[in-house]
Amino acid sequence: MGLGDKIGNKAQEVAGKAKEALGDATNNEKLQGEGVADQAAAKAKQAGEHVKDAAKDIFDK
């Protein structure tokens, strides 16, 4: 996983947490949901990148 990808995915995850917290604070269910969705998307991207990294490590040996 490239450094740019790691930073981008982590930024998306942090932004999702912020959205969720803001939604909680303002009783805005839509914003809460968007935050949760952003976090899930970021985590899915991170998982995919980890699989790619693991496969690369296996096949590069």
PDB file of N, CA and C in Angstrom:
ATOM      1  N   MET A   1       0.870  -1.166   0.000  1.00  0.00           N
ATOM      2  CA  MET A   1       0.000   0.000   0.000  1.00  0.00           C
ATOM      3  C   MET A   1       0.904   1.211   0.000  1.00  0.00           C
ATOM      4  N   GLY A   2       0.619   2.139  -0.897  1.00  0.00           N
ATOM      5  CA  GLY A   2       1.403   3.349  -0.958  1.00  0.00           C
ATOM      6  C   GLY A   2       1.090   4.281   0.201  1.00  0.00           C
ATOM      7  N   LEU A   3       2.051   5.112   0.511  1.00  0.00           N
ATOM      8  CA  LEU A   3       1.876   6.048   1.623  1.00  0.00           C
ATOM      9  C   LEU A   3       0.688   6.971   1.368  1.00  0.00           C
ATOM     10  N   GLY A   4       0.519   7.420   0.139  1.00  0.00           N
ATOM     11  CA  GLY A   4      -0.615   8.287  -0.192  1.00  0.00           C
ATOM     12  C   GLY A   4      -1.945   7.610   0.050  1.00  0.00           C
ATOM     13  N   ASP A   5      -2.019   6.312  -0.284  1.00  0.00           N
ATOM     14  CA  ASP A   5      -3.244   5.547  -0.047  1.00  0.00           C
ATOM     15  C   ASP A   5      -3.525   5.427   1.446  1.00  0.00           C
ATOM     16  N   LYS A   6      -2.472   5.145   2.212  1.00  0.00           N
ATOM     17  CA  LYS A   6      -2.638   5.011   3.658  1.00  0.00           C
ATOM     18  C   LYS A   6      -3.159   6.312   4.263  1.00  0.00           C
ATOM     19  N   ILE A   7      -2.556   7.412   3.853  1.00  0.00           N
ATOM     20  CA  ILE A   7      -2.964   8.712   4.386  1.00  0.00           C
ATOM     21  C   ILE A   7      -4.396   9.039   3.977  1.00  0.00           C
ATOM     22  N   GLY A   8      -4.718   8.806   2.716  1.00  0.00           N
ATOM     23  CA  GLY A   8      -6.070   9.079   2.231  1.00  0.00           C
ATOM     24  C   GLY A   8      -7.127   8.251   2.926  1.00  0.00           C
ATOM     25  N   ASN A   9      -6.838   6.970   3.113  1.00  0.00           N
ATOM     26  CA  ASN A   9      -7.798   6.089   3.787  1.00  0.00           C
ATOM     27  C   ASN A   9      -7.980   6.489   5.245  1.00  0.00           C
ATOM     28  N   LYS A  10      -6.872   6.831   5.910  1.00  0.00           N
ATOM     29  CA  LYS A  10      -6.966   7.233   7.311  1.00  0.00           C
ATOM     30  C   LYS A  10      -7.718   8.554   7.425  1.00  0.00           C
ATOM     31  N   ALA A  11      -7.481   9.471   6.489  1.00  0.00           N
ATOM     32  CA  ALA A  11      -8.195  10.752   6.502  1.00  0.00           C
ATOM     33  C   ALA A  11      -9.694  10.543   6.321  1.00  0.00           C
ATOM     34  N   GLN A  12     -10.066   9.626   5.426  1.00  0.00           N
ATOM     35  CA  GLN A  12     -11.480   9.332   5.219  1.00  0.00           C
ATOM     36  C   GLN A  12     -12.094   8.728   6.480  1.00  0.00           C
ATOM     37  N   GLU A  13     -11.347   7.872   7.155  1.00  0.00           N
ATOM     38  CA  GLU A  13     -11.841   7.266   8.382  1.00  0.00           C
ATOM     39  C   GLU A  13     -12.041   8.321   9.478  1.00  0.00           C
ATOM     40  N   VAL A  14     -11.066   9.206   9.625  1.00  0.00           N
ATOM     41  CA  VAL A  14     -11.153  10.264  10.639  1.00  0.00           C
ATOM     42  C   VAL A  14     -12.309  11.216  10.320  1.00  0.00           C
ATOM     43  N   ALA A  15     -12.465  11.564   9.049  1.00  0.00           N
ATOM     44  CA  ALA A  15     -13.570  12.442   8.651  1.00  0.00           C
ATOM     45  C   ALA A  15     -14.910  11.772   8.948  1.00  0.00           C
ATOM     46  N   GLY A  16     -14.984  10.472   8.731  1.00  0.00           N
ATOM     47  CA  GLY A  16     -16.204   9.732   9.038  1.00  0.00           C
ATOM     48  C   GLY A  16     -16.518   9.754  10.524  1.00  0.00           C
ATOM     49  N   LYS A  17     -15.485   9.607  11.348  1.00  0.00           N
ATOM     50  CA  LYS A  17     -15.696   9.671  12.800  1.00  0.00           C
ATOM     51  C   LYS A  17     -16.186  11.050  13.214  1.00  0.00           C
ATOM     52  N   ALA A  18     -15.631  12.076  12.589  1.00  0.00           N
ATOM     53  CA  ALA A  18     -16.047  13.443  12.905  1.00  0.00           C
ATOM     54  C   ALA A  18     -17.497  13.674  12.490  1.00  0.00           C
ATOM     55  N   LYS A  19     -17.862  13.192  11.301  1.00  0.00           N
ATOM     56  CA  LYS A  19     -19.247  13.323  10.840  1.00  0.00           C
ATOM     57  C   LYS A  19     -20.204  12.608  11.787  1.00  0.00           C
ATOM     58  N   GLU A  20     -19.821  11.412  12.173  1.00  0.00           N
ATOM     59  CA  GLU A  20     -20.675  10.642  13.074  1.00  0.00           C
ATOM     60  C   GLU A  20     -20.842  11.371  14.410  1.00  0.00           C
ATOM     61  N   ALA A  21     -19.756  11.894  14.948  1.00  0.00           N
ATOM     62  CA  ALA A  21     -19.815  12.610  16.223  1.00  0.00           C
ATOM     63  C   ALA A  21     -20.659  13.870  16.103  1.00  0.00           C
ATOM     64  N   LEU A  22     -20.515  14.593  14.998  1.00  0.00           N
ATOM     65  CA  LEU A  22     -21.322  15.792  14.786  1.00  0.00           C
ATOM     66  C   LEU A  22     -22.793  15.423  14.649  1.00  0.00           C
ATOM     67  N   GLY A  23     -23.061  14.330  13.949  1.00  0.00           N
ATOM     68  CA  GLY A  23     -24.436  13.855  13.833  1.00  0.00           C
ATOM     69  C   GLY A  23     -25.024  13.469  15.180  1.00  0.00           C
ATOM     70  N   ASP A  24     -24.205  12.826  16.018  1.00  0.00           N
ATOM     71  CA  ASP A  24     -24.652  12.475  17.371  1.00  0.00           C
ATOM     72  C   ASP A  24     -24.981  13.740  18.171  1.00  0.00           C
ATOM     73  N   ALA A  25     -24.097  14.725  18.091  1.00  0.00           N
ATOM     74  CA  ALA A  25     -24.256  15.947  18.876  1.00  0.00           C
ATOM     75  C   ALA A  25     -25.467  16.765  18.443  1.00  0.00           C
ATOM     76  N   THR A  26     -25.824  16.684  17.166  1.00  0.00           N
ATOM     77  CA  THR A  26     -26.925  17.496  16.640  1.00  0.00           C
ATOM     78  C   THR A  26     -28.194  16.688  16.380  1.00  0.00           C
ATOM     79  N   ASN A  27     -28.188  15.418  16.782  1.00  0.00           N
ATOM     80  CA  ASN A  27     -29.316  14.521  16.505  1.00  0.00           C
ATOM     81  C   ASN A  27     -29.656  14.445  15.021  1.00  0.00           C
ATOM     82  N   ASN A  28     -28.627  14.465  14.183  1.00  0.00           N
ATOM     83  CA  ASN A  28     -28.805  14.398  12.741  1.00  0.00           C
ATOM     84  C   ASN A  28     -28.468  12.973  12.297  1.00  0.00           C
ATOM     85  N   GLU A  29     -29.521  12.163  12.115  1.00  0.00           N
ATOM     86  CA  GLU A  29     -29.320  10.757  11.767  1.00  0.00           C
ATOM     87  C   GLU A  29     -28.666  10.581  10.404  1.00  0.00           C
ATOM     88  N   LYS A  30     -28.973  11.477   9.472  1.00  0.00           N
ATOM     89  CA  LYS A  30     -28.377  11.376   8.133  1.00  0.00           C
ATOM     90  C   LYS A  30     -26.856  11.564   8.222  1.00  0.00           C
ATOM     91  N   LEU A  31     -26.427  12.571   8.980  1.00  0.00           N
ATOM     92  CA  LEU A  31     -25.001  12.827   9.135  1.00  0.00           C
ATOM     93  C   LEU A  31     -24.309  11.674   9.869  1.00  0.00           C
ATOM     94  N   GLN A  32     -24.987  11.129  10.864  1.00  0.00           N
ATOM     95  CA  GLN A  32     -24.445   9.963  11.575  1.00  0.00           C
ATOM     96  C   GLN A  32     -24.223   8.820  10.593  1.00  0.00           C
ATOM     97  N   GLY A  33     -25.223   8.554   9.783  1.00  0.00           N
ATOM     98  CA  GLY A  33     -25.136   7.464   8.810  1.00  0.00           C
ATOM     99  C   GLY A  33     -24.034   7.677   7.795  1.00  0.00           C
ATOM    100  N   GLU A  34     -23.888   8.917   7.332  1.00  0.00           N
ATOM    101  CA  GLU A  34     -22.815   9.218   6.387  1.00  0.00           C
ATOM    102  C   GLU A  34     -21.451   8.969   7.028  1.00  0.00           C
ATOM    103  N   GLY A  35     -21.334   9.339   8.291  1.00  0.00           N
ATOM    104  CA  GLY A  35     -20.075   9.122   9.001  1.00  0.00           C
ATOM    105  C   GLY A  35     -19.738   7.653   9.136  1.00  0.00           C
ATOM    106  N   VAL A  36     -20.730   6.868   9.489  1.00  0.00           N
ATOM    107  CA  VAL A  36     -20.527   5.427   9.618  1.00  0.00           C
ATOM    108  C   VAL A  36     -20.164   4.830   8.253  1.00  0.00           C
ATOM    109  N   ALA A  37     -20.841   5.274   7.214  1.00  0.00           N
ATOM    110  CA  ALA A  37     -20.560   4.768   5.862  1.00  0.00           C
ATOM    111  C   ALA A  37     -19.146   5.147   5.416  1.00  0.00           C
ATOM    112  N   ASP A  38     -18.721   6.367   5.707  1.00  0.00           N
ATOM    113  CA  ASP A  38     -17.367   6.799   5.355  1.00  0.00           C
ATOM    114  C   ASP A  38     -16.321   5.933   6.062  1.00  0.00           C
ATOM    115  N   GLN A  39     -16.565   5.648   7.326  1.00  0.00           N
ATOM    116  CA  GLN A  39     -15.628   4.810   8.085  1.00  0.00           C
ATOM    117  C   GLN A  39     -15.565   3.407   7.510  1.00  0.00           C
ATOM    118  N   ALA A  40     -16.718   2.855   7.169  1.00  0.00           N
ATOM    119  CA  ALA A  40     -16.764   1.500   6.615  1.00  0.00           C
ATOM    120  C   ALA A  40     -16.041   1.439   5.272  1.00  0.00           C
ATOM    121  N   ALA A  41     -16.244   2.454   4.444  1.00  0.00           N
ATOM    122  CA  ALA A  41     -15.583   2.488   3.139  1.00  0.00           C
ATOM    123  C   ALA A  41     -14.068   2.569   3.307  1.00  0.00           C
ATOM    124  N   ALA A  42     -13.620   3.400   4.226  1.00  0.00           N
ATOM    125  CA  ALA A  42     -12.184   3.542   4.458  1.00  0.00           C
ATOM    126  C   ALA A  42     -11.589   2.228   4.963  1.00  0.00           C
ATOM    127  N   LYS A  43     -12.287   1.571   5.869  1.00  0.00           N
ATOM    128  CA  LYS A  43     -11.785   0.302   6.412  1.00  0.00           C
ATOM    129  C   LYS A  43     -11.763  -0.790   5.342  1.00  0.00           C
ATOM    130  N   ALA A  44     -12.743  -0.777   4.450  1.00  0.00           N
ATOM    131  CA  ALA A  44     -12.768  -1.756   3.360  1.00  0.00           C
ATOM    132  C   ALA A  44     -11.584  -1.522   2.415  1.00  0.00           C
ATOM    133  N   LYS A  45     -11.300  -0.258   2.118  1.00  0.00           N
ATOM    134  CA  LYS A  45     -10.143   0.060   1.266  1.00  0.00           C
ATOM    135  C   LYS A  45      -8.851  -0.389   1.935  1.00  0.00           C
ATOM    136  N   GLN A  46      -8.749  -0.143   3.238  1.00  0.00           N
ATOM    137  CA  GLN A  46      -7.544  -0.550   3.966  1.00  0.00           C
ATOM    138  C   GLN A  46      -7.381  -2.063   3.935  1.00  0.00           C
ATOM    139  N   ALA A  47      -8.471  -2.786   4.108  1.00  0.00           N
ATOM    140  CA  ALA A  47      -8.416  -4.249   4.077  1.00  0.00           C
ATOM    141  C   ALA A  47      -7.982  -4.738   2.700  1.00  0.00           C
ATOM    142  N   GLY A  48      -8.513  -4.135   1.662  1.00  0.00           N
ATOM    143  CA  GLY A  48      -8.131  -4.509   0.303  1.00  0.00           C
ATOM    144  C   GLY A  48      -6.659  -4.259   0.045  1.00  0.00           C
ATOM    145  N   GLU A  49      -6.161  -3.150   0.537  1.00  0.00           N
ATOM    146  CA  GLU A  49      -4.744  -2.832   0.364  1.00  0.00           C
ATOM    147  C   GLU A  49      -3.868  -3.818   1.135  1.00  0.00           C
ATOM    148  N   HIS A  50      -4.321  -4.238   2.314  1.00  0.00           N
ATOM    149  CA  HIS A  50      -3.563  -5.223   3.095  1.00  0.00           C
ATOM    150  C   HIS A  50      -3.494  -6.556   2.360  1.00  0.00           C
ATOM    151  N   VAL A  51      -4.589  -6.943   1.714  1.00  0.00           N
ATOM    152  CA  VAL A  51      -4.594  -8.185   0.941  1.00  0.00           C
ATOM    153  C   VAL A  51      -3.604  -8.075  -0.216  1.00  0.00           C
ATOM    154  N   LYS A  52      -3.614  -6.945  -0.898  1.00  0.00           N
ATOM    155  CA  LYS A  52      -2.662  -6.738  -1.999  1.00  0.00           C
ATOM    156  C   LYS A  52      -1.226  -6.816  -1.500  1.00  0.00           C
ATOM    157  N   ASP A  53      -0.957  -6.173  -0.369  1.00  0.00           N
ATOM    158  CA  ASP A  53       0.392  -6.199   0.200  1.00  0.00           C
ATOM    159  C   ASP A  53       0.811  -7.621   0.554  1.00  0.00           C
ATOM    160  N   ALA A  54      -0.093  -8.380   1.155  1.00  0.00           N
ATOM    161  CA  ALA A  54       0.221  -9.750   1.539  1.00  0.00           C
ATOM    162  C   ALA A  54       0.496 -10.606   0.303  1.00  0.00           C
ATOM    163  N   ALA A  55      -0.311 -10.439  -0.724  1.00  0.00           N
ATOM    164  CA  ALA A  55      -0.111 -11.205  -1.960  1.00  0.00           C
ATOM    165  C   ALA A  55       1.221 -10.837  -2.600  1.00  0.00           C
ATOM    166  N   LYS A  56       1.541  -9.563  -2.574  1.00  0.00           N
ATOM    167  CA  LYS A  56       2.816  -9.109  -3.155  1.00  0.00           C
ATOM    168  C   LYS A  56       3.982  -9.735  -2.393  1.00  0.00           C
ATOM    169  N   ASP A  57       3.881  -9.756  -1.062  1.00  0.00           N
ATOM    170  CA  ASP A  57       4.940 -10.350  -0.248  1.00  0.00           C
ATOM    171  C   ASP A  57       5.124 -11.828  -0.564  1.00  0.00           C
ATOM    172  N   ILE A  58       4.012 -12.521  -0.767  1.00  0.00           N
ATOM    173  CA  ILE A  58       4.083 -13.966  -1.052  1.00  0.00           C
ATOM    174  C   ILE A  58       4.725 -14.216  -2.413  1.00  0.00           C
ATOM    175  N   PHE A  59       4.292 -13.465  -3.416  1.00  0.00           N
ATOM    176  CA  PHE A  59       4.755 -13.724  -4.774  1.00  0.00           C
ATOM    177  C   PHE A  59       6.120 -13.111  -5.086  1.00  0.00           C
ATOM    178  N   ASP A  60       6.573 -12.206  -4.252  1.00  0.00           N
ATOM    179  CA  ASP A  60       7.888 -11.599  -4.477  1.00  0.00           C
ATOM    180  C   ASP A  60       9.021 -12.436  -3.894  1.00  0.00           C
ATOM    181  N   LYS A  61       8.681 -13.498  -3.161  1.00  0.00           N
ATOM    182  CA  LYS A  61       9.723 -14.328  -2.538  1.00  0.00           C
ATOM    183  C   LYS A  61      10.303 -15.302  -3.505  1.00  0.00           C
TER     184      LYS A  61
END
